[in-house]
Amino acid sequence: MSAAPAAAPAEGEAPKKGSKKLIIIGAAVAVLLAGGGGAFFMMKKKADAEAAAAAEGEDGDAEHAAPAKQAKKPEHGKDEHKGPPTFVPLDPFIVNLADKEGERFAQIGVSLQVDDAKIGEEMKGYMPAIRNSVLLILSHKTSAELLSIEGKQKLAEEIRRDAARAMGYEIEDPEDEEAAAKAEEDAPKKKKKKKKKVESYNPIVHVHYSNFIIQ
């Protein structure tokens, strides 16, 4: 006779130990899976938030970043020179002088030294006005004024100022500056700040003579 099948546990009877272990292991696996999925979800959410914050910060920095400074053209001071000097020769001047005792004339060659080669090129466009200014200065001179060293130096300064004025630069005469300074000293003293003297800019550095003949 075949053996009878094992009877099912009666109602209320405790399950066997093997079944309990399987149930516990299954529950533990489920908990681990659930916990791992939750942790993965939280980590992914945090990473997404950090990436979004970083992207926003970069956009904000780019938007509020200061614009790049533009390079400024270097400017020379009154007596600063960059590179070799630039000379602009003028055609010789032949003028009648202002002598009353007799007819005298001068033949003078002049070269203007400027502080920038670009000024030298620009000066060519003003040459008619520059030559006119020099001719007017020479026509008011006498031979006695031009024969002395001091007279030649004074003439060079006058040419330097008037040639620059012909190009549109505002240059004051030394006499006007001295008169203004004296008037300020003679004026009643008042409690006020002294104005800082601003020197006018002259692109012509020196006036050189190439020839100087008085007849």
Protein backbone atom coordinates (compact mmCIF):
# COMPACT_ATOMS: atom_id res chain seq x y z
CA MET A 1 0.00 0.00 0.00
CA SER A 2 1.24 3.51 -0.78
CA ALA A 3 1.94 5.91 2.05
CA ALA A 4 -0.78 8.32 2.89
CA PRO A 5 -0.09 12.02 1.98
CA ALA A 6 1.09 14.21 4.75
CA ALA A 7 -1.71 15.88 6.50
CA ALA A 8 -1.98 19.65 6.17
CA PRO A 9 -1.28 21.51 9.35
CA ALA A 10 -4.31 22.03 11.39
CA GLU A 11 -5.79 25.49 11.76
CA GLY A 12 -3.90 27.55 14.30
CA GLU A 13 -0.86 25.28 14.11
CA ALA A 14 2.45 27.17 13.86
CA PRO A 15 4.22 26.90 10.49
CA LYS A 16 7.46 25.10 10.20
CA LYS A 17 10.84 26.84 10.74
CA GLY A 18 11.87 26.59 7.05
CA SER A 19 8.82 28.48 5.91
CA LYS A 20 9.51 31.20 8.47
CA LYS A 21 13.06 31.71 7.19
CA LEU A 22 11.87 32.07 3.60
CA ILE A 23 9.28 34.62 4.60
CA ILE A 24 11.85 36.63 6.62
CA ILE A 25 14.40 36.57 3.80
CA GLY A 26 11.79 37.66 1.24
CA ALA A 27 10.70 40.51 3.47
CA ALA A 28 14.29 41.62 4.00
CA VAL A 29 14.96 41.60 0.25
CA ALA A 30 11.82 43.66 -0.35
CA VAL A 31 12.91 46.18 2.28
CA LEU A 32 16.39 46.42 0.78
CA LEU A 33 15.03 46.90 -2.70
CA ALA A 34 12.60 49.55 -1.53
CA GLY A 35 15.28 51.33 0.48
CA GLY A 36 17.78 51.19 -2.38
CA GLY A 37 15.26 52.56 -4.82
CA GLY A 38 14.39 55.37 -2.42
CA ALA A 39 18.04 56.18 -1.83
CA PHE A 40 18.73 56.17 -5.57
CA PHE A 41 15.77 58.46 -6.15
CA MET A 42 16.90 60.87 -3.42
CA MET A 43 20.50 60.90 -4.70
CA LYS A 44 19.34 61.52 -8.27
CA LYS A 45 17.05 64.33 -7.13
CA LYS A 46 19.86 65.95 -5.15
CA ALA A 47 22.28 65.67 -8.08
CA ASP A 48 19.72 67.23 -10.42
CA ALA A 49 19.17 70.09 -7.99
CA GLU A 50 22.90 70.75 -7.65
CA ALA A 51 23.37 70.69 -11.43
CA ALA A 52 20.50 73.15 -11.89
CA ALA A 53 21.94 75.45 -9.21
CA ALA A 54 25.38 75.34 -10.80
CA ALA A 55 23.96 76.15 -14.24
CA GLU A 56 21.99 79.06 -12.81
CA GLY A 57 25.06 80.39 -11.03
CA GLU A 58 27.11 80.28 -14.23
CA ASP A 59 24.39 82.10 -16.12
CA GLY A 60 24.18 84.73 -13.38
CA ASP A 61 27.93 85.24 -13.34
CA ALA A 62 28.04 85.56 -17.11
CA GLU A 63 25.15 88.03 -17.05
CA HIS A 64 26.60 90.24 -14.29
CA ALA A 65 30.24 89.95 -15.33
CA ALA A 66 31.95 93.31 -15.94
CA PRO A 67 32.55 94.05 -19.63
CA ALA A 68 36.12 93.81 -20.86
CA LYS A 69 38.04 97.08 -20.69
CA GLN A 70 38.94 98.59 -24.00
CA ALA A 71 42.57 99.47 -24.52
CA LYS A 72 43.16 103.20 -24.63
CA LYS A 73 45.45 104.86 -27.05
CA PRO A 74 48.66 105.89 -25.23
CA GLU A 75 49.08 109.62 -24.88
CA HIS A 76 52.38 111.47 -24.75
CA GLY A 77 53.12 114.12 -22.20
CA LYS A 78 54.47 117.50 -23.22
CA ASP A 79 58.10 116.36 -23.25
CA GLU A 80 57.64 112.61 -23.81
CA HIS A 81 58.70 111.15 -27.14
CA LYS A 82 58.18 107.64 -28.45
CA GLY A 83 60.70 106.38 -30.95
CA PRO A 84 62.88 108.57 -33.18
CA PRO A 85 61.97 112.27 -33.60
CA THR A 86 59.80 113.38 -36.50
CA PHE A 87 60.77 116.47 -38.49
CA VAL A 88 58.56 118.38 -40.89
CA PRO A 89 60.64 120.67 -43.13
CA LEU A 90 59.04 123.82 -44.50
CA ASP A 91 59.98 125.40 -47.81
CA PRO A 92 62.43 128.31 -47.33
CA PHE A 93 60.95 131.73 -46.51
CA ILE A 94 62.12 134.88 -48.29
CA VAL A 95 60.49 137.98 -46.81
CA ASN A 96 61.04 141.72 -46.61
CA LEU A 97 61.77 142.80 -43.06
CA ALA A 98 60.27 145.75 -41.18
CA ASP A 99 63.43 147.91 -41.20
CA LYS A 100 62.63 151.61 -41.65
CA GLU A 101 66.19 152.71 -42.42
CA GLY A 102 66.48 150.64 -45.58
CA GLU A 103 65.19 147.64 -47.44
CA ARG A 104 66.31 144.40 -45.79
CA PHE A 105 65.10 140.88 -46.35
CA ALA A 106 65.58 137.49 -44.72
CA GLN A 107 65.96 134.03 -46.17
CA ILE A 108 65.14 131.46 -43.51
CA GLY A 109 64.75 127.68 -43.61
CA VAL A 110 62.75 126.01 -40.85
CA SER A 111 62.01 122.43 -39.77
CA LEU A 112 59.35 121.65 -37.16
CA GLN A 113 59.97 118.78 -34.76
CA VAL A 114 56.73 117.12 -33.63
CA ASP A 115 56.12 114.55 -30.89
CA ASP A 116 54.28 112.03 -33.06
CA ALA A 117 54.65 110.81 -36.63
CA LYS A 118 50.85 111.01 -37.07
CA ILE A 119 50.98 114.71 -36.20
CA GLY A 120 53.61 115.14 -38.90
CA GLU A 121 51.28 113.60 -41.48
CA GLU A 122 48.36 115.69 -40.24
CA MET A 123 50.47 118.83 -40.44
CA LYS A 124 50.75 118.51 -44.22
CA GLY A 125 47.05 119.30 -44.56
CA TYR A 126 47.53 122.55 -42.59
CA MET A 127 50.68 123.65 -44.43
CA PRO A 128 49.18 126.70 -46.19
CA ALA A 129 47.89 128.06 -42.86
CA ILE A 130 51.20 127.27 -41.12
CA ARG A 131 53.26 129.05 -43.78
CA ASN A 132 50.95 132.07 -43.63
CA SER A 133 51.45 132.32 -39.87
CA VAL A 134 55.25 132.15 -40.19
CA LEU A 135 55.30 134.77 -42.96
CA LEU A 136 53.25 137.18 -40.84
CA ILE A 137 55.67 136.76 -37.94
CA LEU A 138 58.75 137.35 -40.12
CA SER A 139 57.28 140.40 -41.87
CA HIS A 140 56.99 142.21 -38.49
CA LYS A 141 60.63 141.59 -37.55
CA THR A 142 63.57 143.90 -38.09
CA SER A 143 67.08 142.79 -39.01
CA ALA A 144 68.34 143.93 -35.61
CA GLU A 145 65.84 141.66 -33.86
CA LEU A 146 66.80 138.63 -35.92
CA LEU A 147 70.59 139.01 -35.84
CA SER A 148 70.94 138.35 -32.11
CA ILE A 149 70.81 134.89 -30.53
CA GLU A 150 67.96 135.99 -28.26
CA GLY A 151 66.03 137.25 -31.29
CA LYS A 152 66.42 133.90 -33.07
CA GLN A 153 65.28 132.01 -29.98
CA LYS A 154 62.26 134.28 -29.58
CA LEU A 155 61.37 133.83 -33.24
CA ALA A 156 61.54 130.05 -32.84
CA GLU A 157 59.10 130.18 -29.92
CA GLU A 158 56.71 132.42 -31.85
CA ILE A 159 56.79 130.08 -34.86
CA ARG A 160 56.20 127.10 -32.56
CA ARG A 161 53.10 128.71 -31.01
CA ASP A 162 51.56 130.16 -34.18
CA ALA A 163 52.14 127.01 -36.25
CA ALA A 164 50.25 125.02 -33.61
CA ARG A 165 47.46 127.61 -33.57
CA ALA A 166 47.14 127.26 -37.34
CA MET A 167 46.35 123.58 -36.71
CA GLY A 168 43.60 124.47 -34.23
CA TYR A 169 45.49 124.18 -30.92
CA GLU A 170 44.83 126.81 -28.26
CA ILE A 171 48.20 128.20 -27.17
CA GLU A 172 48.55 131.20 -24.84
CA ASP A 173 51.27 133.82 -25.18
CA PRO A 174 53.77 134.02 -22.29
CA GLU A 175 52.94 137.74 -21.98
CA ASP A 176 49.26 136.95 -21.49
CA GLU A 177 50.08 134.33 -18.85
CA GLU A 178 52.31 136.76 -16.96
CA ALA A 179 49.66 139.50 -17.12
CA ALA A 180 46.98 137.13 -15.81
CA ALA A 181 49.24 135.99 -12.97
CA LYS A 182 50.05 139.60 -12.00
CA ALA A 183 46.39 140.62 -12.08
CA GLU A 184 45.57 137.70 -9.79
CA GLU A 185 48.28 138.78 -7.35
CA ASP A 186 47.12 142.43 -7.34
CA ALA A 187 43.47 141.49 -6.82
CA PRO A 188 42.11 141.65 -3.23
CA LYS A 189 42.88 138.47 -1.37
CA LYS A 190 39.82 136.33 -0.75
CA LYS A 191 39.43 132.98 0.90
CA LYS A 192 39.11 130.78 -2.11
CA LYS A 193 40.93 127.85 -3.56
CA LYS A 194 43.58 128.60 -6.14
CA LYS A 195 42.89 127.14 -9.54
CA LYS A 196 45.45 124.67 -10.73
CA LYS A 197 47.28 125.89 -13.79
CA VAL A 198 46.72 123.69 -16.83
CA GLU A 199 49.39 123.93 -19.51
CA SER A 200 48.21 123.97 -23.10
CA TYR A 201 49.38 121.10 -25.26
CA ASN A 202 51.59 121.90 -28.23
CA PRO A 203 52.47 119.01 -30.58
CA ILE A 204 55.42 121.02 -31.95
CA VAL A 205 58.36 120.30 -29.67
CA HIS A 206 61.12 122.39 -31.29
CA VAL A 207 61.76 124.71 -34.21
CA HIS A 208 65.07 124.15 -35.99
CA TYR A 209 66.73 126.49 -38.48
CA SER A 210 68.28 124.94 -41.59
CA ASN A 211 69.54 128.30 -42.89
CA PHE A 212 69.32 131.89 -41.68
CA ILE A 213 70.43 134.74 -43.95
CA ILE A 214 69.79 138.44 -43.44
CA GLN A 215 70.62 140.85 -46.28
